[in-house]
Amino acid sequence: MNCFDSTPDPDLPPCSLPARKNHDKLCNNFGLQLMTLFKENNLCILNGRLESGHFTYHGVHRNKPVASTVDYVICNTDNYESVEKLCV
């Protein structure tokens, strides 16, 4: 489950931002809490909206390569149009 995609919420207006492209398909409880914070405060993640959504962390866990998105660029949805370029 990718918790940083826009999920319908009947109590909030629909999202008018482009959908995020994100290679990280896993979500834990911290991600769900972060998503709640974003929705309640009209925030959005810019990663994957202004660039291709690549992983920001590459490492090894239990002798296996791992990758995830751990560095987020966050802004108020009202300011989204002000950002012209993003490079993480």
C-alpha atoms as a PDB file:
ATOM      1  CA  MET A   1       0.000   0.000   0.000  1.00  0.00           C
ATOM      2  CA  ASN A   2       1.296   3.425  -0.888  1.00  0.00           C
ATOM      3  CA  CYS A   3      -0.166   5.775   1.720  1.00  0.00           C
ATOM      4  CA  PHE A   4       1.139   8.933   0.062  1.00  0.00           C
ATOM      5  CA  ASP A   5      -1.158   8.727  -2.915  1.00  0.00           C
ATOM      6  CA  SER A   6      -4.314  10.771  -2.687  1.00  0.00           C
ATOM      7  CA  THR A   7      -7.004   8.701  -1.043  1.00  0.00           C
ATOM      8  CA  PRO A   8     -10.615   9.882  -1.164  1.00  0.00           C
ATOM      9  CA  ASP A   9     -11.800  11.490   2.056  1.00  0.00           C
ATOM     10  CA  PRO A  10     -15.419  12.663   2.166  1.00  0.00           C
ATOM     11  CA  ASP A  11     -14.566  15.394   4.704  1.00  0.00           C
ATOM     12  CA  LEU A  12     -11.949  17.069   2.509  1.00  0.00           C
ATOM     13  CA  PRO A  13     -12.133  18.764  -0.899  1.00  0.00           C
ATOM     14  CA  PRO A  14     -10.743  16.693  -3.795  1.00  0.00           C
ATOM     15  CA  CYS A  15      -7.021  17.061  -4.503  1.00  0.00           C
ATOM     16  CA  SER A  16      -6.297  19.125  -7.613  1.00  0.00           C
ATOM     17  CA  LEU A  17      -2.564  18.366  -7.653  1.00  0.00           C
ATOM     18  CA  PRO A  18      -0.982  15.898 -10.077  1.00  0.00           C
ATOM     19  CA  ALA A  19      -0.796  12.324  -8.797  1.00  0.00           C
ATOM     20  CA  ARG A  20       2.535  11.337  -7.224  1.00  0.00           C
ATOM     21  CA  LYS A  21       4.846   8.937  -9.013  1.00  0.00           C
ATOM     22  CA  ASN A  22       6.498   6.927  -6.263  1.00  0.00           C
ATOM     23  CA  HIS A  23       8.604   3.779  -6.493  1.00  0.00           C
ATOM     24  CA  ASP A  24       8.206   3.120  -2.744  1.00  0.00           C
ATOM     25  CA  LYS A  25       5.071   0.959  -2.424  1.00  0.00           C
ATOM     26  CA  LEU A  26       5.249   0.197   1.323  1.00  0.00           C
ATOM     27  CA  CYS A  27       3.639   2.167   4.133  1.00  0.00           C
ATOM     28  CA  ASN A  28       3.871   1.758   7.905  1.00  0.00           C
ATOM     29  CA  ASN A  29       2.011   3.380  10.809  1.00  0.00           C
ATOM     30  CA  PHE A  30       4.376   6.370  10.800  1.00  0.00           C
ATOM     31  CA  GLY A  31       3.480   6.962   7.153  1.00  0.00           C
ATOM     32  CA  LEU A  32      -0.221   6.780   7.936  1.00  0.00           C
ATOM     33  CA  GLN A  33       0.224   9.316  10.753  1.00  0.00           C
ATOM     34  CA  LEU A  34       2.188  11.586   8.422  1.00  0.00           C
ATOM     35  CA  MET A  35      -0.558  11.322   5.787  1.00  0.00           C
ATOM     36  CA  THR A  36      -3.166  12.316   8.393  1.00  0.00           C
ATOM     37  CA  LEU A  37      -1.036  15.336   9.342  1.00  0.00           C
ATOM     38  CA  PHE A  38      -0.822  16.349   5.661  1.00  0.00           C
ATOM     39  CA  LYS A  39      -4.553  16.083   5.081  1.00  0.00           C
ATOM     40  CA  GLU A  40      -5.462  17.960   8.263  1.00  0.00           C
ATOM     41  CA  ASN A  41      -3.060  20.813   7.429  1.00  0.00           C
ATOM     42  CA  ASN A  42      -3.470  21.079   3.657  1.00  0.00           C
ATOM     43  CA  LEU A  43       0.101  19.880   2.996  1.00  0.00           C
ATOM     44  CA  CYS A  44       1.504  17.761   0.189  1.00  0.00           C
ATOM     45  CA  ILE A  45       4.676  15.902  -0.715  1.00  0.00           C
ATOM     46  CA  LEU A  46       6.393  17.381  -3.756  1.00  0.00           C
ATOM     47  CA  ASN A  47       8.572  14.320  -4.440  1.00  0.00           C
ATOM     48  CA  GLY A  48       7.124  12.486  -7.429  1.00  0.00           C
ATOM     49  CA  ARG A  49       4.971  15.402  -8.556  1.00  0.00           C
ATOM     50  CA  LEU A  50       7.753  17.589  -9.987  1.00  0.00           C
ATOM     51  CA  GLU A  51      10.236  14.799 -10.730  1.00  0.00           C
ATOM     52  CA  SER A  52      10.142  11.061 -11.343  1.00  0.00           C
ATOM     53  CA  GLY A  53       9.753   9.918  -7.713  1.00  0.00           C
ATOM     54  CA  HIS A  54      13.014   8.036  -7.315  1.00  0.00           C
ATOM     55  CA  PHE A  55      14.100   6.451  -4.039  1.00  0.00           C
ATOM     56  CA  THR A  56      16.060   8.780  -1.750  1.00  0.00           C
ATOM     57  CA  TYR A  57      17.698   6.024   0.324  1.00  0.00           C
ATOM     58  CA  HIS A  58      19.689   3.020  -0.891  1.00  0.00           C
ATOM     59  CA  GLY A  59      21.287   0.626   1.565  1.00  0.00           C
ATOM     60  CA  VAL A  60      21.684  -2.964   2.725  1.00  0.00           C
ATOM     61  CA  HIS A  61      19.505  -4.722   5.304  1.00  0.00           C
ATOM     62  CA  ARG A  62      20.194  -8.342   6.294  1.00  0.00           C
ATOM     63  CA  ASN A  63      22.620  -8.636   3.385  1.00  0.00           C
ATOM     64  CA  LYS A  64      19.975  -7.561   0.859  1.00  0.00           C
ATOM     65  CA  PRO A  65      19.840  -4.268  -1.030  1.00  0.00           C
ATOM     66  CA  VAL A  66      16.977  -2.029   0.059  1.00  0.00           C
ATOM     67  CA  ALA A  67      15.633   1.305  -1.139  1.00  0.00           C
ATOM     68  CA  SER A  68      12.935   3.678   0.053  1.00  0.00           C
ATOM     69  CA  THR A  69      11.754   7.272  -0.047  1.00  0.00           C
ATOM     70  CA  VAL A  70      12.790   8.852   3.240  1.00  0.00           C
ATOM     71  CA  ASP A  71      13.551  12.468   2.309  1.00  0.00           C
ATOM     72  CA  TYR A  72      10.383  14.404   1.600  1.00  0.00           C
ATOM     73  CA  VAL A  73       9.951  17.923   0.304  1.00  0.00           C
ATOM     74  CA  ILE A  74       6.691  19.166   1.830  1.00  0.00           C
ATOM     75  CA  CYS A  75       4.706  22.322   1.146  1.00  0.00           C
ATOM     76  CA  ASN A  76       1.269  23.791   1.609  1.00  0.00           C
ATOM     77  CA  THR A  77      -0.957  22.872  -1.338  1.00  0.00           C
ATOM     78  CA  ASP A  78      -1.629  26.592  -1.921  1.00  0.00           C
ATOM     79  CA  ASN A  79       2.094  27.110  -2.615  1.00  0.00           C
ATOM     80  CA  TYR A  80       2.521  24.134  -4.949  1.00  0.00           C
ATOM     81  CA  GLU A  81       2.349  26.317  -8.076  1.00  0.00           C
ATOM     82  CA  SER A  82       5.265  28.427  -6.753  1.00  0.00           C
ATOM     83  CA  VAL A  83       7.722  25.526  -6.985  1.00  0.00           C
ATOM     84  CA  GLU A  84       9.295  25.239 -10.412  1.00  0.00           C
ATOM     85  CA  LYS A  85      11.911  22.519  -9.967  1.00  0.00           C
ATOM     86  CA  LEU A  86      12.755  19.796  -7.456  1.00  0.00           C
ATOM     87  CA  CYS A  87      15.927  17.755  -7.134  1.00  0.00           C
ATOM     88  CA  VAL A  88      16.468  15.404  -4.190  1.00  0.00           C
END
